[in-house]
């Protein structure tokens, strides 16, 4: 069974069929298939910090480099790190799959 994904944890409603899709659009993390399974998530659901165009704090976030400092303070980012422990996929490995 897969772990909780960012859209479930944050309850943002931006996953396909979500309550905020019409207003805010589908989140890139929820449809990014190149990182499906990373950190036991669906699509980019447990690698959102490495995916451009995710929404956080009511604002669309930019590139990995621009948003990483904010993401590292995020409760969800910290949760994934704690749950995955030594198996936590590195940002470098995630970014390589996104290239």
N, C-alpha and C. Protein backbone atom coordinates (compact mmCIF):
# COMPACT_ATOMS: atom_id res chain seq x y z
N UNK A 1 0.84 -1.19 0.00
CA UNK A 1 0.00 0.00 0.00
C UNK A 1 0.88 1.25 0.00
N UNK A 2 0.48 2.23 -0.76
CA UNK A 2 1.26 3.47 -0.84
C UNK A 2 1.00 4.35 0.37
N UNK A 3 1.96 5.17 0.70
CA UNK A 3 1.89 6.09 1.81
C UNK A 3 1.04 7.32 1.42
N UNK A 4 0.78 8.18 2.39
CA UNK A 4 0.01 9.40 2.16
C UNK A 4 0.78 10.31 1.21
N UNK A 5 0.08 10.82 0.20
CA UNK A 5 0.66 11.76 -0.76
C UNK A 5 0.42 13.19 -0.32
N UNK A 6 1.17 14.13 -0.90
CA UNK A 6 1.10 15.53 -0.48
C UNK A 6 -0.31 16.09 -0.57
N UNK A 7 -1.05 15.80 -1.64
CA UNK A 7 -2.40 16.35 -1.78
C UNK A 7 -3.35 15.80 -0.72
N UNK A 8 -3.10 14.60 -0.25
CA UNK A 8 -3.91 14.04 0.83
C UNK A 8 -3.54 14.69 2.16
N UNK A 9 -2.26 14.86 2.40
CA UNK A 9 -1.78 15.45 3.64
C UNK A 9 -2.19 16.92 3.74
N UNK A 10 -1.99 17.65 2.65
CA UNK A 10 -2.28 19.08 2.63
C UNK A 10 -3.76 19.40 2.37
N UNK A 11 -4.49 18.41 1.87
CA UNK A 11 -5.90 18.59 1.53
C UNK A 11 -6.12 19.79 0.60
N UNK A 12 -5.25 19.88 -0.41
CA UNK A 12 -5.28 21.03 -1.33
C UNK A 12 -6.37 20.93 -2.38
N UNK A 13 -6.84 19.72 -2.68
CA UNK A 13 -7.89 19.57 -3.67
C UNK A 13 -7.43 19.71 -5.11
N UNK A 14 -6.12 19.64 -5.35
CA UNK A 14 -5.59 19.82 -6.70
C UNK A 14 -5.23 18.51 -7.39
N UNK A 15 -5.56 17.37 -6.80
CA UNK A 15 -5.35 16.10 -7.47
C UNK A 15 -6.45 15.93 -8.53
N UNK A 16 -6.24 15.09 -9.57
CA UNK A 16 -7.29 14.90 -10.57
C UNK A 16 -8.63 14.57 -9.90
N UNK A 17 -9.65 15.33 -10.26
CA UNK A 17 -10.98 15.15 -9.67
C UNK A 17 -11.15 15.87 -8.35
N UNK A 18 -10.13 16.58 -7.89
CA UNK A 18 -10.17 17.27 -6.60
C UNK A 18 -11.09 18.49 -6.61
N UNK A 19 -11.43 18.93 -5.43
CA UNK A 19 -12.39 20.02 -5.26
C UNK A 19 -11.89 21.39 -5.72
N UNK A 20 -10.60 21.58 -5.90
CA UNK A 20 -10.06 22.89 -6.29
C UNK A 20 -9.49 22.91 -7.72
N UNK A 21 -9.67 21.82 -8.46
CA UNK A 21 -9.08 21.73 -9.79
C UNK A 21 -9.61 22.82 -10.72
N UNK A 22 -10.90 23.08 -10.69
CA UNK A 22 -11.46 24.10 -11.58
C UNK A 22 -10.88 25.47 -11.24
N UNK A 23 -10.75 25.75 -9.97
CA UNK A 23 -10.26 27.05 -9.52
C UNK A 23 -8.75 27.20 -9.68
N UNK A 24 -7.97 26.17 -9.31
CA UNK A 24 -6.52 26.28 -9.25
C UNK A 24 -5.76 25.40 -10.24
N UNK A 25 -6.45 24.47 -10.87
CA UNK A 25 -5.80 23.56 -11.80
C UNK A 25 -5.27 22.31 -11.11
N UNK A 26 -4.91 21.32 -11.91
CA UNK A 26 -4.35 20.08 -11.38
C UNK A 26 -2.89 20.32 -11.03
N UNK A 27 -2.49 19.86 -9.86
CA UNK A 27 -1.11 20.04 -9.40
C UNK A 27 -0.17 19.13 -10.20
N UNK A 28 0.97 19.68 -10.56
CA UNK A 28 1.97 18.92 -11.30
C UNK A 28 2.42 17.67 -10.55
N UNK A 29 2.49 17.73 -9.23
CA UNK A 29 2.94 16.56 -8.45
C UNK A 29 1.96 15.40 -8.59
N UNK A 30 0.69 15.69 -8.71
CA UNK A 30 -0.31 14.62 -8.76
C UNK A 30 -0.33 13.87 -10.08
N UNK A 31 0.28 14.44 -11.11
CA UNK A 31 0.26 13.79 -12.43
C UNK A 31 1.66 13.46 -12.97
N UNK A 32 2.70 13.75 -12.19
CA UNK A 32 4.08 13.52 -12.63
C UNK A 32 4.44 12.04 -12.50
N UNK A 33 4.32 11.32 -13.60
CA UNK A 33 4.51 9.87 -13.60
C UNK A 33 5.97 9.42 -13.57
N UNK A 34 6.89 10.30 -13.93
CA UNK A 34 8.31 9.89 -13.97
C UNK A 34 8.86 9.56 -12.60
N UNK A 35 8.21 10.02 -11.55
CA UNK A 35 8.68 9.72 -10.19
C UNK A 35 7.66 8.87 -9.42
N UNK A 36 6.79 8.20 -10.15
CA UNK A 36 5.81 7.32 -9.52
C UNK A 36 6.54 6.27 -8.68
N UNK A 37 6.12 6.11 -7.44
CA UNK A 37 6.72 5.13 -6.54
C UNK A 37 7.83 5.68 -5.67
N UNK A 38 8.35 6.85 -6.00
CA UNK A 38 9.41 7.46 -5.18
C UNK A 38 8.88 7.67 -3.77
N UNK A 39 9.62 7.28 -2.79
CA UNK A 39 9.24 7.39 -1.38
C UNK A 39 7.86 6.79 -1.11
N UNK A 40 7.52 5.76 -1.88
CA UNK A 40 6.25 5.03 -1.74
C UNK A 40 5.02 5.86 -2.07
N UNK A 41 5.17 6.86 -2.92
CA UNK A 41 4.04 7.71 -3.29
C UNK A 41 3.48 7.42 -4.66
N UNK A 42 2.33 8.00 -4.93
CA UNK A 42 1.72 7.93 -6.25
C UNK A 42 2.19 9.14 -7.05
N UNK A 43 2.65 8.87 -8.28
CA UNK A 43 3.19 9.92 -9.14
C UNK A 43 4.19 10.74 -8.33
N UNK A 44 4.04 12.06 -8.27
CA UNK A 44 4.98 12.89 -7.51
C UNK A 44 4.51 13.23 -6.12
N UNK A 45 3.59 12.44 -5.59
CA UNK A 45 2.96 12.74 -4.31
C UNK A 45 3.86 12.71 -3.09
N UNK A 46 5.06 12.11 -3.21
CA UNK A 46 6.00 12.12 -2.10
C UNK A 46 7.37 12.59 -2.58
N UNK A 47 7.31 13.45 -3.61
CA UNK A 47 8.51 14.09 -4.16
C UNK A 47 8.17 15.50 -4.61
N UNK A 48 7.14 16.08 -4.04
CA UNK A 48 6.60 17.37 -4.49
C UNK A 48 7.63 18.50 -4.41
N UNK A 49 8.57 18.41 -3.49
CA UNK A 49 9.58 19.45 -3.34
C UNK A 49 10.50 19.57 -4.55
N UNK A 50 10.56 18.55 -5.37
CA UNK A 50 11.42 18.57 -6.54
C UNK A 50 10.68 18.89 -7.83
N UNK A 51 9.38 19.10 -7.73
CA UNK A 51 8.53 19.29 -8.92
C UNK A 51 8.11 20.74 -9.04
N UNK A 52 8.40 21.32 -10.18
CA UNK A 52 8.03 22.70 -10.46
C UNK A 52 6.51 22.83 -10.60
N UNK A 53 5.97 23.92 -10.07
CA UNK A 53 4.56 24.23 -10.26
C UNK A 53 3.62 23.73 -9.17
N UNK A 54 4.15 23.23 -8.07
CA UNK A 54 3.28 22.83 -6.97
C UNK A 54 2.80 24.08 -6.23
N UNK A 55 1.73 23.94 -5.49
CA UNK A 55 1.14 25.05 -4.76
C UNK A 55 1.45 24.91 -3.29
N UNK A 56 1.94 25.96 -2.68
CA UNK A 56 2.22 25.95 -1.25
C UNK A 56 1.97 27.34 -0.69
N UNK A 57 1.27 27.41 0.41
CA UNK A 57 0.99 28.70 1.01
C UNK A 57 0.14 29.59 0.11
N UNK A 58 -0.66 28.96 -0.73
CA UNK A 58 -1.53 29.72 -1.62
C UNK A 58 -0.84 30.27 -2.87
N UNK A 59 0.43 29.91 -3.08
CA UNK A 59 1.18 30.41 -4.22
C UNK A 59 1.79 29.26 -5.00
N UNK A 60 1.80 29.40 -6.32
CA UNK A 60 2.47 28.41 -7.15
C UNK A 60 3.96 28.58 -6.94
N UNK A 61 4.61 27.46 -6.66
CA UNK A 61 6.05 27.46 -6.41
C UNK A 61 6.81 27.25 -7.70
N UNK A 62 8.01 27.76 -7.74
CA UNK A 62 8.84 27.67 -8.93
C UNK A 62 9.70 26.42 -8.97
N UNK A 63 10.91 26.61 -9.40
CA UNK A 63 11.84 25.50 -9.59
C UNK A 63 12.30 24.94 -8.24
N UNK A 64 12.92 23.79 -8.33
CA UNK A 64 13.46 23.12 -7.14
C UNK A 64 14.39 24.06 -6.38
N UNK A 65 15.30 24.69 -7.08
CA UNK A 65 16.28 25.57 -6.42
C UNK A 65 15.60 26.74 -5.72
N UNK A 66 14.55 27.26 -6.31
CA UNK A 66 13.86 28.42 -5.74
C UNK A 66 13.01 28.07 -4.54
N UNK A 67 12.54 26.84 -4.46
CA UNK A 67 11.58 26.51 -3.40
C UNK A 67 12.12 25.57 -2.32
N UNK A 68 13.30 25.02 -2.49
CA UNK A 68 13.78 24.00 -1.55
C UNK A 68 13.84 24.49 -0.11
N UNK A 69 14.29 25.69 0.14
CA UNK A 69 14.39 26.18 1.52
C UNK A 69 13.02 26.17 2.19
N UNK A 70 11.98 26.57 1.48
CA UNK A 70 10.62 26.53 2.04
C UNK A 70 10.17 25.09 2.24
N UNK A 71 10.46 24.25 1.29
CA UNK A 71 10.02 22.85 1.38
C UNK A 71 10.66 22.13 2.56
N UNK A 72 11.91 22.45 2.84
CA UNK A 72 12.59 21.78 3.94
C UNK A 72 11.95 22.09 5.30
N UNK A 73 11.20 23.18 5.38
CA UNK A 73 10.50 23.55 6.60
C UNK A 73 9.07 22.99 6.64
N UNK A 74 8.63 22.40 5.55
CA UNK A 74 7.26 21.89 5.42
C UNK A 74 7.06 20.63 6.27
N UNK A 75 5.94 20.55 6.96
CA UNK A 75 5.62 19.37 7.78
C UNK A 75 5.57 18.10 6.94
N UNK A 76 5.06 18.21 5.72
CA UNK A 76 4.96 17.03 4.87
C UNK A 76 6.34 16.53 4.45
N UNK A 77 7.22 17.42 4.05
CA UNK A 77 8.59 17.06 3.68
C UNK A 77 9.27 16.35 4.84
N UNK A 78 9.11 16.89 6.02
CA UNK A 78 9.71 16.29 7.22
C UNK A 78 9.08 14.93 7.53
N UNK A 79 7.79 14.80 7.33
CA UNK A 79 7.10 13.52 7.55
C UNK A 79 7.65 12.44 6.62
N UNK A 80 7.78 12.78 5.34
CA UNK A 80 8.30 11.80 4.38
C UNK A 80 9.71 11.37 4.78
N UNK A 81 10.53 12.31 5.17
CA UNK A 81 11.89 11.97 5.60
C UNK A 81 11.89 11.05 6.80
N UNK A 82 11.02 11.33 7.76
CA UNK A 82 10.95 10.49 8.96
C UNK A 82 10.41 9.10 8.63
N UNK A 83 9.38 9.03 7.78
CA UNK A 83 8.80 7.74 7.44
C UNK A 83 9.73 6.88 6.60
N UNK A 84 10.43 7.49 5.68
CA UNK A 84 11.28 6.73 4.76
C UNK A 84 12.65 6.43 5.35
N UNK A 85 13.12 7.25 6.28
CA UNK A 85 14.41 7.02 6.92
C UNK A 85 15.53 6.85 5.90
N UNK A 86 16.29 5.79 6.04
CA UNK A 86 17.43 5.53 5.17
C UNK A 86 17.01 5.29 3.72
N UNK A 87 15.75 4.94 3.50
CA UNK A 87 15.25 4.69 2.15
C UNK A 87 14.75 5.95 1.45
N UNK A 88 14.82 7.09 2.13
CA UNK A 88 14.37 8.37 1.56
C UNK A 88 15.14 8.67 0.29
N UNK A 89 14.44 8.82 -0.80
CA UNK A 89 15.08 9.10 -2.10
C UNK A 89 15.65 10.51 -2.08
N UNK A 90 16.88 10.66 -2.48
CA UNK A 90 17.53 11.97 -2.45
C UNK A 90 16.96 12.88 -3.52
N UNK A 91 17.06 14.17 -3.28
CA UNK A 91 16.60 15.16 -4.25
C UNK A 91 17.35 14.97 -5.57
N UNK A 92 18.62 14.65 -5.49
CA UNK A 92 19.43 14.45 -6.69
C UNK A 92 18.86 13.31 -7.54
N UNK A 93 18.49 12.22 -6.90
CA UNK A 93 17.93 11.08 -7.62
C UNK A 93 16.57 11.42 -8.22
N UNK A 94 15.77 12.17 -7.48
CA UNK A 94 14.46 12.58 -7.98
C UNK A 94 14.63 13.48 -9.19
N UNK A 95 15.50 14.48 -9.09
CA UNK A 95 15.74 15.40 -10.20
C UNK A 95 16.26 14.68 -11.42
N UNK A 96 17.09 13.66 -11.23
CA UNK A 96 17.61 12.89 -12.37
C UNK A 96 16.46 12.21 -13.11
N UNK A 97 15.48 11.74 -12.41
CA UNK A 97 14.34 11.09 -13.05
C UNK A 97 13.43 12.09 -13.77
N UNK A 98 13.47 13.35 -13.32
CA UNK A 98 12.65 14.38 -13.94
C UNK A 98 13.29 15.00 -15.18
N UNK A 99 14.56 14.70 -15.43
CA UNK A 99 15.25 15.27 -16.60
C UNK A 99 14.91 14.51 -17.85
